[in-house]
Amino acid sequence: MAVSPTAALVFVRRLALSVITGNGDMHLKNWSLIYLGNGDKPALAPLYDLLSTVPYIPADAMALSLGRERSFKALAAPRWKAFANRARLPELAILKAVVETVKLVNEYWWHLPERDVVAAKVLERMDEHVKAMRPILNSCADK
C-alpha cells in the first residue's frame, strides 16, 4: 500500500531538515511507520533521534543516499529531482517542499532557545553548515 501524497511530502521535509542541519546519522532505523485506523493506513511515526553530526565529524555525509549521492554539499536540485523521479513523486512538489523547509529552518534556527545551552564550538559548526546548505538547497527554487 502506498503512502499518501501528504505523507510523502512530510518525508521529504524531514529529509531536507536532516540535510540542512547536518544529520549524517539519519539511517533506516530512524524512519518508522505507524498504522492508523484499522491498521491499514501507514503514516510516518513522530520524529525521533534528531541530531547534527557535522560538529563532531565535519566531513560527514548522509547515512543514506539521495539521488545516488551522500555528500551534503552535493544535494542541490538535480539530486532532489533524481530522488523524486526514482520515488515516482511529483518533481515540483518535492522541490517546493525542500525550499519551504529551508525557509522555515532559516526563520526559526537563529532564535531557538536551545541555542543558549549548546557549546559554542558545536553551535558554530552547526551554524556554518546551515549557512552553507541554504544556497545549495535553495537551488531547488530555480527548478
N, C-alpha and C. Protein backbone atom coordinates (compact mmCIF):
# COMPACT_ATOMS: atom_id res chain seq x y z
N MET A 1 0.84 -1.17 0.00
CA MET A 1 0.00 0.00 0.00
C MET A 1 0.90 1.24 0.00
N ALA A 2 0.60 2.18 -0.85
CA ALA A 2 1.38 3.41 -0.96
C ALA A 2 0.95 4.40 0.12
N VAL A 3 1.88 5.26 0.51
CA VAL A 3 1.54 6.32 1.46
C VAL A 3 0.88 7.46 0.70
N SER A 4 0.21 8.31 1.41
CA SER A 4 -0.48 9.44 0.79
C SER A 4 0.52 10.48 0.29
N PRO A 5 0.10 11.34 -0.65
CA PRO A 5 0.97 12.43 -1.09
C PRO A 5 1.41 13.32 0.07
N THR A 6 0.52 13.53 1.03
CA THR A 6 0.86 14.35 2.19
C THR A 6 1.99 13.70 2.99
N ALA A 7 1.90 12.40 3.21
CA ALA A 7 2.94 11.68 3.94
C ALA A 7 4.26 11.71 3.19
N ALA A 8 4.20 11.62 1.87
CA ALA A 8 5.42 11.68 1.07
C ALA A 8 6.11 13.03 1.24
N LEU A 9 5.33 14.10 1.28
CA LEU A 9 5.91 15.44 1.45
C LEU A 9 6.45 15.62 2.87
N VAL A 10 5.81 15.03 3.85
CA VAL A 10 6.34 15.07 5.22
C VAL A 10 7.70 14.38 5.25
N PHE A 11 7.80 13.24 4.57
CA PHE A 11 9.07 12.52 4.48
C PHE A 11 10.14 13.41 3.86
N VAL A 12 9.81 14.08 2.78
CA VAL A 12 10.78 14.95 2.09
C VAL A 12 11.20 16.10 2.99
N ARG A 13 10.25 16.69 3.69
CA ARG A 13 10.59 17.80 4.61
C ARG A 13 11.53 17.32 5.72
N ARG A 14 11.28 16.15 6.24
CA ARG A 14 12.16 15.60 7.28
C ARG A 14 13.55 15.32 6.72
N LEU A 15 13.58 14.83 5.51
CA LEU A 15 14.86 14.58 4.86
C LEU A 15 15.61 15.88 4.63
N ALA A 16 14.93 16.91 4.15
CA ALA A 16 15.55 18.22 3.94
C ALA A 16 16.04 18.80 5.27
N LEU A 17 15.28 18.61 6.34
CA LEU A 17 15.71 19.08 7.66
C LEU A 17 17.00 18.38 8.08
N SER A 18 17.09 17.09 7.83
CA SER A 18 18.31 16.35 8.15
C SER A 18 19.50 16.87 7.36
N VAL A 19 19.27 17.21 6.11
CA VAL A 19 20.35 17.71 5.26
C VAL A 19 20.81 19.08 5.74
N ILE A 20 19.89 20.00 5.95
CA ILE A 20 20.29 21.37 6.31
C ILE A 20 20.91 21.43 7.71
N THR A 21 20.50 20.54 8.61
CA THR A 21 21.08 20.56 9.95
C THR A 21 22.30 19.64 10.08
N GLY A 22 22.63 18.92 9.03
CA GLY A 22 23.83 18.09 9.05
C GLY A 22 23.69 16.81 9.84
N ASN A 23 22.57 16.14 9.69
CA ASN A 23 22.33 14.89 10.40
C ASN A 23 22.78 13.72 9.53
N GLY A 24 24.04 13.36 9.67
CA GLY A 24 24.58 12.24 8.91
C GLY A 24 24.19 10.89 9.47
N ASP A 25 23.42 10.88 10.54
CA ASP A 25 23.03 9.64 11.20
C ASP A 25 21.59 9.24 10.88
N MET A 26 20.95 9.88 9.93
CA MET A 26 19.55 9.58 9.61
C MET A 26 19.53 8.33 8.71
N HIS A 27 19.51 7.18 9.36
CA HIS A 27 19.51 5.90 8.65
C HIS A 27 18.13 5.26 8.75
N LEU A 28 17.98 4.10 8.16
CA LEU A 28 16.66 3.46 8.07
C LEU A 28 15.98 3.23 9.42
N LYS A 29 16.76 2.98 10.45
CA LYS A 29 16.15 2.73 11.76
C LYS A 29 15.57 4.00 12.38
N ASN A 30 15.83 5.16 11.76
CA ASN A 30 15.26 6.42 12.25
C ASN A 30 13.99 6.79 11.50
N TRP A 31 13.54 5.92 10.63
CA TRP A 31 12.30 6.15 9.88
C TRP A 31 11.35 5.02 10.22
N SER A 32 10.27 5.34 10.89
CA SER A 32 9.31 4.32 11.28
C SER A 32 7.91 4.69 10.81
N LEU A 33 7.11 3.66 10.64
CA LEU A 33 5.70 3.86 10.28
C LEU A 33 4.83 3.48 11.46
N ILE A 34 3.71 4.15 11.57
CA ILE A 34 2.65 3.74 12.47
C ILE A 34 1.45 3.45 11.58
N TYR A 35 0.59 2.59 12.03
CA TYR A 35 -0.57 2.21 11.23
C TYR A 35 -1.83 2.71 11.92
N LEU A 36 -2.53 3.59 11.25
CA LEU A 36 -3.71 4.23 11.80
C LEU A 36 -4.97 3.48 11.41
N GLY A 37 -6.09 3.90 11.94
CA GLY A 37 -7.38 3.28 11.60
C GLY A 37 -7.41 1.84 12.06
N ASN A 38 -7.72 0.97 11.15
CA ASN A 38 -7.77 -0.47 11.44
C ASN A 38 -6.42 -1.13 11.20
N GLY A 39 -5.37 -0.33 11.23
CA GLY A 39 -4.04 -0.86 10.98
C GLY A 39 -3.72 -0.97 9.52
N ASP A 40 -4.50 -0.29 8.69
CA ASP A 40 -4.29 -0.38 7.24
C ASP A 40 -3.89 0.95 6.61
N LYS A 41 -3.64 1.97 7.44
CA LYS A 41 -3.26 3.29 6.92
C LYS A 41 -1.88 3.67 7.45
N PRO A 42 -0.82 3.42 6.65
CA PRO A 42 0.52 3.75 7.13
C PRO A 42 0.74 5.26 7.18
N ALA A 43 1.44 5.69 8.21
CA ALA A 43 1.82 7.10 8.36
C ALA A 43 3.19 7.13 9.02
N LEU A 44 3.93 8.19 8.78
CA LEU A 44 5.23 8.33 9.43
C LEU A 44 5.04 8.52 10.93
N ALA A 45 5.86 7.82 11.69
CA ALA A 45 5.85 8.00 13.14
C ALA A 45 6.44 9.37 13.47
N PRO A 46 6.17 9.88 14.65
CA PRO A 46 6.78 11.16 15.04
C PRO A 46 8.30 11.10 14.94
N LEU A 47 8.90 12.25 14.74
CA LEU A 47 10.36 12.35 14.64
C LEU A 47 11.03 11.93 15.94
N TYR A 48 12.18 11.29 15.81
CA TYR A 48 12.99 10.96 16.97
C TYR A 48 14.44 10.83 16.52
N ASP A 49 15.35 10.87 17.47
CA ASP A 49 16.78 10.71 17.22
C ASP A 49 17.32 11.78 16.26
N LEU A 50 16.90 13.03 16.47
CA LEU A 50 17.39 14.13 15.65
C LEU A 50 18.69 14.66 16.24
N LEU A 51 19.67 14.85 15.40
CA LEU A 51 20.95 15.38 15.85
C LEU A 51 21.71 15.91 14.65
N SER A 52 22.77 16.63 14.94
CA SER A 52 23.68 17.09 13.89
C SER A 52 25.02 16.42 14.12
N THR A 53 25.51 15.73 13.12
CA THR A 53 26.80 15.05 13.25
C THR A 53 27.96 15.93 12.79
N VAL A 54 27.69 16.96 12.01
CA VAL A 54 28.78 17.76 11.44
C VAL A 54 29.64 18.49 12.48
N PRO A 55 29.14 18.86 13.66
CA PRO A 55 30.05 19.47 14.62
C PRO A 55 31.15 18.52 15.08
N TYR A 56 30.89 17.23 15.02
CA TYR A 56 31.82 16.23 15.51
C TYR A 56 32.58 15.54 14.39
N ILE A 57 31.95 15.46 13.22
CA ILE A 57 32.56 14.85 12.04
C ILE A 57 32.35 15.84 10.89
N PRO A 58 33.21 16.87 10.78
CA PRO A 58 32.96 17.95 9.81
C PRO A 58 32.78 17.49 8.36
N ALA A 59 33.42 16.41 7.97
CA ALA A 59 33.29 15.93 6.59
C ALA A 59 32.23 14.83 6.49
N ASP A 60 31.32 14.78 7.44
CA ASP A 60 30.31 13.72 7.45
C ASP A 60 29.40 13.83 6.23
N ALA A 61 28.71 12.76 5.94
CA ALA A 61 27.78 12.68 4.82
C ALA A 61 26.52 11.98 5.30
N MET A 62 25.53 11.93 4.44
CA MET A 62 24.27 11.26 4.76
C MET A 62 24.50 9.76 4.95
N ALA A 63 23.79 9.17 5.88
CA ALA A 63 23.86 7.72 6.08
C ALA A 63 23.24 6.99 4.89
N LEU A 64 22.22 7.60 4.30
CA LEU A 64 21.54 7.04 3.13
C LEU A 64 21.74 7.98 1.95
N SER A 65 21.79 7.43 0.77
CA SER A 65 21.99 8.29 -0.41
C SER A 65 20.67 8.94 -0.84
N LEU A 66 20.82 10.07 -1.48
CA LEU A 66 19.68 10.79 -2.05
C LEU A 66 20.02 11.04 -3.51
N GLY A 67 19.29 10.44 -4.40
CA GLY A 67 19.62 10.57 -5.82
C GLY A 67 21.03 10.07 -6.11
N ARG A 68 21.40 9.01 -5.41
CA ARG A 68 22.71 8.35 -5.56
C ARG A 68 23.87 9.20 -5.04
N GLU A 69 23.59 10.10 -4.14
CA GLU A 69 24.63 10.97 -3.58
C GLU A 69 24.47 11.01 -2.06
N ARG A 70 25.60 11.01 -1.35
CA ARG A 70 25.56 11.07 0.11
C ARG A 70 26.15 12.36 0.66
N SER A 71 26.99 13.02 -0.09
CA SER A 71 27.61 14.26 0.38
C SER A 71 26.56 15.36 0.54
N PHE A 72 26.52 15.99 1.70
CA PHE A 72 25.55 17.06 1.93
C PHE A 72 25.65 18.13 0.84
N LYS A 73 26.87 18.55 0.55
CA LYS A 73 27.05 19.68 -0.36
C LYS A 73 26.72 19.34 -1.81
N ALA A 74 26.50 18.08 -2.11
CA ALA A 74 26.11 17.67 -3.47
C ALA A 74 24.59 17.60 -3.61
N LEU A 75 23.86 17.91 -2.55
CA LEU A 75 22.41 17.70 -2.57
C LEU A 75 21.65 18.93 -3.06
N ALA A 76 22.04 19.39 -4.23
CA ALA A 76 21.35 20.50 -4.90
C ALA A 76 20.17 19.95 -5.70
N ALA A 77 19.50 20.82 -6.40
CA ALA A 77 18.27 20.47 -7.12
C ALA A 77 18.36 19.18 -7.97
N PRO A 78 19.44 18.95 -8.73
CA PRO A 78 19.46 17.73 -9.55
C PRO A 78 19.31 16.44 -8.73
N ARG A 79 19.87 16.40 -7.53
CA ARG A 79 19.75 15.20 -6.69
C ARG A 79 18.32 15.02 -6.20
N TRP A 80 17.65 16.13 -5.84
CA TRP A 80 16.26 16.05 -5.39
C TRP A 80 15.35 15.65 -6.55
N LYS A 81 15.66 16.11 -7.75
CA LYS A 81 14.89 15.71 -8.93
C LYS A 81 15.06 14.21 -9.19
N ALA A 82 16.30 13.73 -9.07
CA ALA A 82 16.55 12.30 -9.26
C ALA A 82 15.79 11.48 -8.22
N PHE A 83 15.81 11.96 -6.98
CA PHE A 83 15.05 11.29 -5.92
C PHE A 83 13.57 11.26 -6.25
N ALA A 84 13.02 12.41 -6.66
CA ALA A 84 11.59 12.49 -6.98
C ALA A 84 11.23 11.50 -8.09
N ASN A 85 12.05 11.45 -9.12
CA ASN A 85 11.77 10.56 -10.24
C ASN A 85 11.87 9.09 -9.83
N ARG A 86 12.88 8.77 -9.05
CA ARG A 86 13.03 7.38 -8.62
C ARG A 86 11.89 6.96 -7.69
N ALA A 87 11.44 7.89 -6.85
CA ALA A 87 10.34 7.60 -5.91
C ALA A 87 8.97 7.78 -6.55
N ARG A 88 8.97 8.20 -7.81
CA ARG A 88 7.71 8.44 -8.54
C ARG A 88 6.84 9.48 -7.83
N LEU A 89 7.51 10.55 -7.42
CA LEU A 89 6.83 11.66 -6.77
C LEU A 89 6.89 12.88 -7.68
N PRO A 90 5.94 13.78 -7.60
CA PRO A 90 5.95 14.96 -8.47
C PRO A 90 7.15 15.86 -8.16
N GLU A 91 7.98 16.04 -9.16
CA GLU A 91 9.22 16.78 -9.01
C GLU A 91 9.01 18.17 -8.41
N LEU A 92 8.07 18.92 -8.96
CA LEU A 92 7.85 20.29 -8.48
C LEU A 92 7.42 20.32 -7.02
N ALA A 93 6.60 19.38 -6.60
CA ALA A 93 6.16 19.33 -5.20
C ALA A 93 7.34 19.03 -4.27
N ILE A 94 8.23 18.17 -4.72
CA ILE A 94 9.41 17.82 -3.91
C ILE A 94 10.32 19.04 -3.78
N LEU A 95 10.60 19.70 -4.89
CA LEU A 95 11.46 20.88 -4.86
C LEU A 95 10.87 21.98 -3.99
N LYS A 96 9.57 22.17 -4.09
CA LYS A 96 8.89 23.18 -3.27
C LYS A 96 9.00 22.83 -1.78
N ALA A 97 8.83 21.57 -1.44
CA ALA A 97 8.92 21.15 -0.03
C ALA A 97 10.32 21.40 0.52
N VAL A 98 11.34 21.18 -0.29
CA VAL A 98 12.72 21.44 0.14
C VAL A 98 12.90 22.93 0.42
N VAL A 99 12.47 23.77 -0.50
CA VAL A 99 12.62 25.22 -0.35
C VAL A 99 11.83 25.72 0.86
N GLU A 100 10.64 25.21 1.06
CA GLU A 100 9.83 25.61 2.22
C GLU A 100 10.51 25.21 3.53
N THR A 101 11.14 24.05 3.55
CA THR A 101 11.85 23.60 4.74
C THR A 101 13.03 24.51 5.05
N VAL A 102 13.77 24.88 4.02
CA VAL A 102 14.90 25.80 4.21
C VAL A 102 14.40 27.13 4.77
N LYS A 103 13.31 27.61 4.24
CA LYS A 103 12.74 28.88 4.72
C LYS A 103 12.37 28.79 6.20
N LEU A 104 11.72 27.71 6.59
CA LEU A 104 11.32 27.54 7.98
C LEU A 104 12.53 27.40 8.91
N VAL A 105 13.52 26.63 8.49
CA VAL A 105 14.73 26.49 9.30
C VAL A 105 15.38 27.86 9.46
N ASN A 106 15.51 28.59 8.38
CA ASN A 106 16.13 29.91 8.46
C ASN A 106 15.34 30.86 9.36
N GLU A 107 14.04 30.72 9.35
CA GLU A 107 13.18 31.59 10.17
C GLU A 107 13.33 31.29 11.67
N TYR A 108 13.48 30.02 12.02
CA TYR A 108 13.47 29.63 13.43
C TYR A 108 14.84 29.29 14.02
N TRP A 109 15.75 28.79 13.19
CA TRP A 109 17.04 28.28 13.67
C TRP A 109 17.78 29.27 14.55
N TRP A 110 17.84 30.49 14.13
CA TRP A 110 18.67 31.51 14.78
C TRP A 110 18.08 32.01 16.10
N HIS A 111 16.86 31.61 16.41
CA HIS A 111 16.17 32.11 17.61
C HIS A 111 15.75 31.00 18.56
N LEU A 112 16.18 29.78 18.32
CA LEU A 112 15.79 28.67 19.19
C LEU A 112 16.36 28.88 20.59
N PRO A 113 15.55 28.72 21.62
CA PRO A 113 16.07 28.91 22.98
C PRO A 113 17.15 27.89 23.35
N GLU A 114 17.13 26.73 22.71
CA GLU A 114 18.13 25.69 22.99
C GLU A 114 19.54 26.13 22.61
N ARG A 115 19.66 27.14 21.77
CA ARG A 115 20.98 27.63 21.36
C ARG A 115 21.80 28.08 22.57
N ASP A 116 21.13 28.54 23.61
CA ASP A 116 21.82 29.04 24.80
C ASP A 116 22.55 27.96 25.59
N VAL A 117 22.18 26.72 25.40
CA VAL A 117 22.80 25.64 26.18
C VAL A 117 23.72 24.75 25.34
N VAL A 118 23.87 25.06 24.08
CA VAL A 118 24.76 24.29 23.21
C VAL A 118 26.16 24.89 23.29
N ALA A 119 27.16 24.04 23.39
CA ALA A 119 28.55 24.50 23.44
C ALA A 119 28.86 25.40 22.25
N ALA A 120 29.60 26.47 22.48
CA ALA A 120 29.86 27.48 21.45
C ALA A 120 30.46 26.88 20.19
N LYS A 121 31.43 26.00 20.31
CA LYS A 121 32.08 25.41 19.14
C LYS A 121 31.11 24.52 18.36
N VAL A 122 30.29 23.78 19.06
CA VAL A 122 29.30 22.92 18.41
C VAL A 122 28.30 23.78 17.65
N LEU A 123 27.81 24.82 18.30
CA LEU A 123 26.85 25.72 17.67
C LEU A 123 27.46 26.42 16.46
N GLU A 124 28.71 26.83 16.58
CA GLU A 124 29.40 27.49 15.46
C GLU A 124 29.47 26.57 14.24
N ARG A 125 29.82 25.32 14.46
CA ARG A 125 29.92 24.36 13.35
C ARG A 125 28.55 24.06 12.75
N MET A 126 27.54 23.95 13.59
CA MET A 126 26.19 23.73 13.08
C MET A 126 25.73 24.93 12.25
N ASP A 127 25.96 26.13 12.77
CA ASP A 127 25.57 27.35 12.06
C ASP A 127 26.28 27.45 10.71
N GLU A 128 27.56 27.12 10.68
CA GLU A 128 28.31 27.14 9.42
C GLU A 128 27.68 26.19 8.41
N HIS A 129 27.28 25.02 8.88
CA HIS A 129 26.67 24.04 7.98
C HIS A 129 25.33 24.55 7.45
N VAL A 130 24.50 25.08 8.34
CA VAL A 130 23.20 25.62 7.92
C VAL A 130 23.41 26.72 6.88
N LYS A 131 24.35 27.62 7.13
CA LYS A 131 24.61 28.72 6.18
C LYS A 131 25.11 28.18 4.84
N ALA A 132 25.96 27.16 4.88
CA ALA A 132 26.49 26.58 3.63
C ALA A 132 25.41 25.85 2.85
N MET A 133 24.48 25.24 3.55
CA MET A 133 23.46 24.43 2.88
C MET A 133 22.32 25.26 2.30
N ARG A 134 22.07 26.43 2.84
CA ARG A 134 20.93 27.23 2.35
C ARG A 134 20.98 27.46 0.84
N PRO A 135 22.08 27.99 0.28
CA PRO A 135 22.06 28.20 -1.18
C PRO A 135 22.02 26.90 -1.98
N ILE A 136 22.62 25.87 -1.45
CA ILE A 136 22.61 24.58 -2.15
C ILE A 136 21.18 24.06 -2.25
N LEU A 137 20.48 24.05 -1.13
CA LEU A 137 19.09 23.55 -1.12
C LEU A 137 18.14 24.52 -1.81
N ASN A 138 18.43 25.81 -1.70
CA ASN A 138 17.56 26.80 -2.37
C ASN A 138 17.70 26.75 -3.89
N SER A 139 18.68 25.99 -4.40
CA SER A 139 18.76 25.79 -5.85
C SER A 139 17.50 25.08 -6.34
N CYS A 140 16.78 24.46 -5.43
CA CYS A 140 15.52 23.81 -5.79
C CYS A 140 14.46 24.82 -6.20
N ALA A 141 14.63 26.07 -5.81
CA ALA A 141 13.68 27.12 -6.20
C ALA A 141 13.84 27.49 -7.67
N ASP A 142 15.02 27.22 -8.22
CA ASP A 142 15.30 27.57 -9.62
C ASP A 142 14.61 26.62 -10.59
N LYS A 143 14.24 25.47 -10.11
CA LYS A 143 13.56 24.43 -10.89
C LYS A 143 14.26 24.23 -12.20
